[in-house]
Amino acid sequence: MSKVETKNAFSLAGRKALVTGGSRGIGGAIVDIFCEYGAEVALCHYNDEQNARLRVEKLRAQGRVVHSMECDVSDEANVDQLATWAKKELGQVDIVVNCAGIGGDKPFSSITVADWDRMLGVHLKGTFLVTRQFFDAMLGRKYGRIINFSSQLAYKGAPGLAHYCAAKAGIVGFTRALSYEGAPHGVMVNAIAPGPVETDLLMGLSDDWRAMKMAQLPIRRFGKVEEIAPTALMLASDAGAFYAGQNLSPNGGDVML
């Protein structure tokens, strides 16, 4: 009797994905795992050409199909160029991962209007600008995956990060609202809310802040980017087809929902 082959629910074979902030950190780990599971991937970065080039070279040496471009996701004209480029390189975009982000802790009284605008511009406005470039086409094809990046701090807050927490909470609301428009047409919109993960963004926070956060974690360590990327793979694949408007939170127990 011949063996019956079963489809891998996590396969991304034939899928085309765009990952913002994909040159390093969590975004870079997502690019790697998407390629491993068969997707063609376009990544964008901001002022990180060396890491982007190294990641592309590594993946192409493995036989993966990957592309890279610089983009400030908070800038509408830049995102217009990104969308034109991604559609040219990929043909169509089935999966969008909004992972671009910035950090930096400041007491509330020290946050300037420019600080506030930049934080919300990259995280919240950037998520909006990128998503709207591809959402309608996904609706037309009756298939798509939008994966946004929130944070566990959207739920619990944190000292020195009022602007960051506000931006991430906005992404939670955006994700839930857009899922109502997408899900009836096969476009699943979800978010990932990681806990503190060993990235340049985390290391850019003060030593005191990181020590405070480490003491709060039941797991007693920060996460690794490779521990977050599989959540994105699940949401991007057929394995995530029943998730709509969710905010999955691999966070080491920092928030228990």
Protein backbone atom coordinates (compact mmCIF):
# COMPACT_ATOMS: atom_id res chain seq x y z
CA MET A 1 0.00 0.00 0.00
CA SER A 2 1.42 3.37 -0.99
CA LYS A 3 1.95 5.92 1.71
CA VAL A 4 -0.57 8.76 1.72
CA GLU A 5 1.16 12.11 1.85
CA THR A 6 -0.36 14.67 4.17
CA LYS A 7 -0.04 18.41 3.66
CA ASN A 8 2.08 20.32 6.13
CA ALA A 9 -0.30 22.88 7.62
CA PHE A 10 2.64 25.18 8.32
CA SER A 11 3.93 25.18 4.74
CA LEU A 12 4.25 28.54 2.99
CA ALA A 13 5.18 27.03 -0.37
CA GLY A 14 4.04 29.34 -3.15
CA ARG A 15 3.25 32.20 -0.78
CA LYS A 16 4.73 35.70 -1.12
CA ALA A 17 5.46 37.66 2.06
CA LEU A 18 6.54 41.18 2.97
CA VAL A 19 8.23 41.66 6.35
CA THR A 20 8.95 45.18 7.59
CA GLY A 21 11.88 45.52 9.98
CA GLY A 22 13.16 42.27 8.50
CA SER A 23 16.91 42.84 8.55
CA ARG A 24 17.47 41.77 12.17
CA GLY A 25 15.78 40.98 15.48
CA ILE A 26 12.35 39.42 15.49
CA GLY A 27 11.69 40.52 11.92
CA GLY A 28 14.90 38.87 10.76
CA ALA A 29 13.97 35.61 12.49
CA ILE A 30 10.56 35.74 10.76
CA VAL A 31 12.21 36.22 7.37
CA ASP A 32 14.39 33.17 8.08
CA ILE A 33 11.55 30.88 9.13
CA PHE A 34 9.24 32.01 6.31
CA CYS A 35 11.98 31.17 3.82
CA GLU A 36 12.62 27.84 5.52
CA TYR A 37 8.97 26.93 5.08
CA GLY A 38 8.88 27.83 1.41
CA ALA A 39 7.83 31.47 1.06
CA GLU A 40 9.38 34.04 -1.22
CA VAL A 41 10.11 37.00 1.02
CA ALA A 42 10.66 40.73 0.54
CA LEU A 43 12.01 42.55 3.57
CA CYS A 44 12.44 46.21 4.29
CA HIS A 45 14.74 47.90 6.77
CA TYR A 46 15.59 51.42 7.85
CA ASN A 47 19.23 52.47 7.86
CA ASP A 48 20.41 48.88 8.35
CA GLU A 49 21.89 48.02 4.97
CA GLN A 50 24.70 45.83 6.30
CA ASN A 51 22.45 43.48 8.27
CA ALA A 52 19.95 43.36 5.43
CA ARG A 53 22.66 42.46 2.92
CA LEU A 54 24.11 39.75 5.16
CA ARG A 55 20.70 38.21 5.75
CA VAL A 56 19.87 38.21 2.03
CA GLU A 57 23.26 36.72 1.12
CA LYS A 58 22.89 33.98 3.75
CA LEU A 59 19.42 33.01 2.61
CA ARG A 60 20.23 33.12 -1.10
CA ALA A 61 23.21 30.83 -0.42
CA GLN A 62 20.65 28.37 0.97
CA GLY A 63 18.64 28.59 -2.25
CA ARG A 64 15.93 30.86 -0.81
CA VAL A 65 14.27 33.64 -2.79
CA VAL A 66 14.51 36.89 -0.84
CA HIS A 67 14.63 40.61 -1.68
CA SER A 68 15.53 43.71 0.34
CA MET A 69 14.77 47.43 0.27
CA GLU A 70 15.21 50.39 2.62
CA CYS A 71 12.01 52.09 3.81
CA ASP A 72 10.87 54.40 6.59
CA VAL A 73 7.40 52.97 7.23
CA SER A 74 6.24 56.18 8.88
CA ASP A 75 6.67 58.09 5.60
CA GLU A 76 3.76 57.80 3.15
CA ALA A 77 5.87 58.39 0.04
CA ASN A 78 8.43 55.78 1.20
CA VAL A 79 5.66 53.24 1.74
CA ASP A 80 4.22 53.98 -1.71
CA GLN A 81 7.65 53.13 -3.15
CA LEU A 82 7.86 50.01 -0.97
CA ALA A 83 4.52 48.76 -2.25
CA THR A 84 5.45 49.33 -5.89
CA TRP A 85 8.75 47.52 -5.37
CA ALA A 86 7.21 44.60 -3.44
CA LYS A 87 4.53 44.05 -6.08
CA LYS A 88 7.19 44.11 -8.80
CA GLU A 89 9.47 41.66 -7.00
CA LEU A 90 6.81 39.30 -5.68
CA GLY A 91 3.99 39.65 -8.18
CA GLN A 92 1.48 39.66 -5.37
CA VAL A 93 1.69 39.85 -1.60
CA ASP A 94 -0.14 37.13 0.35
CA ILE A 95 1.33 37.86 3.79
CA VAL A 96 2.24 41.17 5.41
CA VAL A 97 4.16 41.26 8.68
CA ASN A 98 4.32 44.71 10.27
CA CYS A 99 7.39 44.28 12.48
CA ALA A 100 9.26 47.57 12.07
CA GLY A 101 9.68 49.32 15.39
CA ILE A 102 11.74 51.63 17.57
CA GLY A 103 12.21 51.89 21.34
CA GLY A 104 13.70 54.10 24.02
CA ASP A 105 12.47 54.77 27.55
CA LYS A 106 11.87 58.28 28.88
CA PRO A 107 9.94 59.62 31.86
CA PHE A 108 6.62 61.02 30.68
CA SER A 109 7.64 64.59 31.52
CA SER A 110 10.64 64.24 29.18
CA ILE A 111 8.71 62.96 26.16
CA THR A 112 8.58 65.66 23.50
CA VAL A 113 5.98 66.01 20.77
CA ALA A 114 8.65 64.87 18.32
CA ASP A 115 9.31 61.75 20.46
CA TRP A 116 5.58 61.01 20.57
CA ASP A 117 5.07 61.54 16.85
CA ARG A 118 8.05 59.39 15.91
CA MET A 119 7.03 56.51 18.18
CA LEU A 120 3.43 56.44 16.97
CA GLY A 121 4.58 57.18 13.43
CA VAL A 122 6.76 54.10 13.13
CA HIS A 123 4.57 51.68 15.08
CA LEU A 124 0.95 52.70 14.55
CA LYS A 125 0.98 54.90 11.45
CA GLY A 126 3.50 52.58 9.81
CA THR A 127 1.26 49.58 10.41
CA PHE A 128 -1.64 51.48 8.83
CA LEU A 129 0.34 52.76 5.84
CA VAL A 130 1.81 49.37 4.93
CA THR A 131 -1.38 47.40 5.50
CA ARG A 132 -3.55 49.63 3.34
CA GLN A 133 -1.24 49.08 0.36
CA PHE A 134 -2.10 45.38 0.20
CA PHE A 135 -5.41 44.86 2.01
CA ASP A 136 -7.79 45.54 -0.88
CA ALA A 137 -5.93 43.17 -3.22
CA MET A 138 -6.14 40.46 -0.57
CA LEU A 139 -9.88 41.02 -0.30
CA GLY A 140 -10.18 40.67 -4.06
CA ARG A 141 -8.27 37.36 -4.05
CA LYS A 142 -10.22 36.10 -1.03
CA TYR A 143 -6.99 35.30 0.76
CA GLY A 144 -4.47 37.12 2.89
CA ARG A 145 -2.63 37.28 6.18
CA ILE A 146 -1.88 40.49 8.07
CA ILE A 147 0.34 40.01 11.12
CA ASN A 148 0.91 43.09 13.24
CA PHE A 149 3.29 43.52 16.16
CA SER A 150 1.92 44.79 19.43
CA SER A 151 3.46 44.16 22.86
CA GLN A 152 2.49 42.72 26.21
CA LEU A 153 3.03 46.27 27.45
CA ALA A 154 -0.13 47.27 25.58
CA TYR A 155 -1.94 45.42 28.40
CA LYS A 156 0.13 46.14 31.49
CA GLY A 157 1.97 49.37 30.68
CA ALA A 158 5.44 50.24 31.90
CA PRO A 159 7.19 53.23 33.43
CA GLY A 160 9.08 55.36 30.94
CA LEU A 161 7.25 53.97 27.94
CA ALA A 162 3.97 55.89 27.77
CA HIS A 163 4.44 56.66 24.07
CA TYR A 164 5.47 53.07 23.23
CA CYS A 165 2.59 51.53 25.18
CA ALA A 166 0.11 53.90 23.54
CA ALA A 167 1.34 52.95 20.09
CA LYS A 168 1.19 49.23 20.82
CA ALA A 169 -2.29 49.48 22.36
CA GLY A 170 -3.39 51.27 19.20
CA ILE A 171 -2.16 48.34 17.14
CA VAL A 172 -4.30 45.97 19.23
CA GLY A 173 -7.40 48.04 18.47
CA PHE A 174 -6.49 48.39 14.80
CA THR A 175 -6.01 44.62 14.50
CA ARG A 176 -9.35 43.80 16.07
CA ALA A 177 -11.27 46.32 13.97
CA LEU A 178 -9.67 45.33 10.66
CA SER A 179 -10.24 41.64 11.31
CA TYR A 180 -14.01 42.26 11.04
CA GLU A 181 -13.51 43.58 7.52
CA GLY A 182 -11.01 40.93 6.45
CA ALA A 183 -12.17 37.64 7.94
CA PRO A 184 -15.41 37.28 5.91
CA HIS A 185 -13.22 37.40 2.79
CA GLY A 186 -10.47 35.03 3.89
CA VAL A 187 -8.11 37.78 5.03
CA MET A 188 -7.07 37.00 8.58
CA VAL A 189 -5.72 39.91 10.63
CA ASN A 190 -3.94 39.12 13.87
CA ALA A 191 -1.18 40.46 16.08
CA ILE A 192 1.72 39.17 18.12
CA ALA A 193 2.48 40.76 21.49
CA PRO A 194 5.93 39.54 22.56
CA GLY A 195 7.33 39.98 25.99
CA PRO A 196 10.87 41.37 26.37
CA VAL A 197 13.10 39.73 23.77
CA GLU A 198 16.86 39.95 23.33
CA THR A 199 17.01 42.48 20.51
CA ASP A 200 18.72 45.78 19.83
CA LEU A 201 15.47 47.49 20.82
CA LEU A 202 15.55 45.90 24.28
CA MET A 203 19.24 46.59 24.71
CA GLY A 204 18.56 50.23 23.85
CA LEU A 205 16.54 50.58 27.05
CA SER A 206 18.28 51.62 30.25
CA ASP A 207 20.03 49.09 32.48
CA ASP A 208 17.63 49.95 35.31
CA TRP A 209 14.59 49.34 33.10
CA ARG A 210 15.85 45.97 31.92
CA ALA A 211 16.70 44.89 35.48
CA MET A 212 13.22 45.90 36.62
CA LYS A 213 11.61 43.90 33.82
CA MET A 214 13.78 40.82 34.34
CA ALA A 215 12.69 40.68 38.00
CA GLN A 216 9.03 40.63 36.92
CA LEU A 217 9.32 37.59 34.64
CA PRO A 218 8.35 34.20 36.05
CA ILE A 219 10.65 32.58 33.50
CA ARG A 220 13.54 34.70 34.85
CA ARG A 221 15.03 35.44 31.43
CA PHE A 222 14.33 37.45 28.31
CA GLY A 223 13.05 35.73 25.21
CA LYS A 224 14.95 34.89 22.04
CA VAL A 225 13.87 35.95 18.56
CA GLU A 226 13.68 32.29 17.51
CA GLU A 227 11.00 31.80 20.19
CA ILE A 228 8.75 34.47 18.62
CA ALA A 229 9.07 33.67 14.92
CA PRO A 230 7.12 30.35 15.07
CA THR A 231 4.04 32.27 16.21
CA ALA A 232 4.25 34.35 13.02
CA LEU A 233 4.67 31.17 10.97
CA MET A 234 1.53 29.68 12.46
CA LEU A 235 -0.53 32.82 11.81
CA ALA A 236 0.81 33.09 8.25
CA SER A 237 0.05 29.48 7.34
CA ASP A 238 -3.07 27.35 6.99
CA ALA A 239 -2.51 26.33 10.61
CA GLY A 240 -3.69 29.83 11.60
CA ALA A 241 -6.82 29.92 9.45
CA PHE A 242 -9.20 30.07 12.45
CA TYR A 243 -7.44 33.00 14.15
CA ALA A 244 -9.13 36.37 13.61
CA GLY A 245 -8.44 39.56 15.55
CA GLN A 246 -6.26 37.76 18.07
CA ASN A 247 -3.25 39.09 19.92
CA LEU A 248 -1.01 36.12 20.70
CA SER A 249 1.50 36.84 23.44
CA PRO A 250 4.65 34.75 23.86
CA ASN A 251 5.92 36.66 26.88
CA GLY A 252 7.52 34.35 29.45
CA GLY A 253 4.59 34.82 31.81
CA ASP A 254 4.84 38.62 32.03
CA VAL A 255 1.13 38.83 31.20
CA MET A 256 -1.16 35.84 31.73
CA LEU A 257 -4.35 36.28 29.73
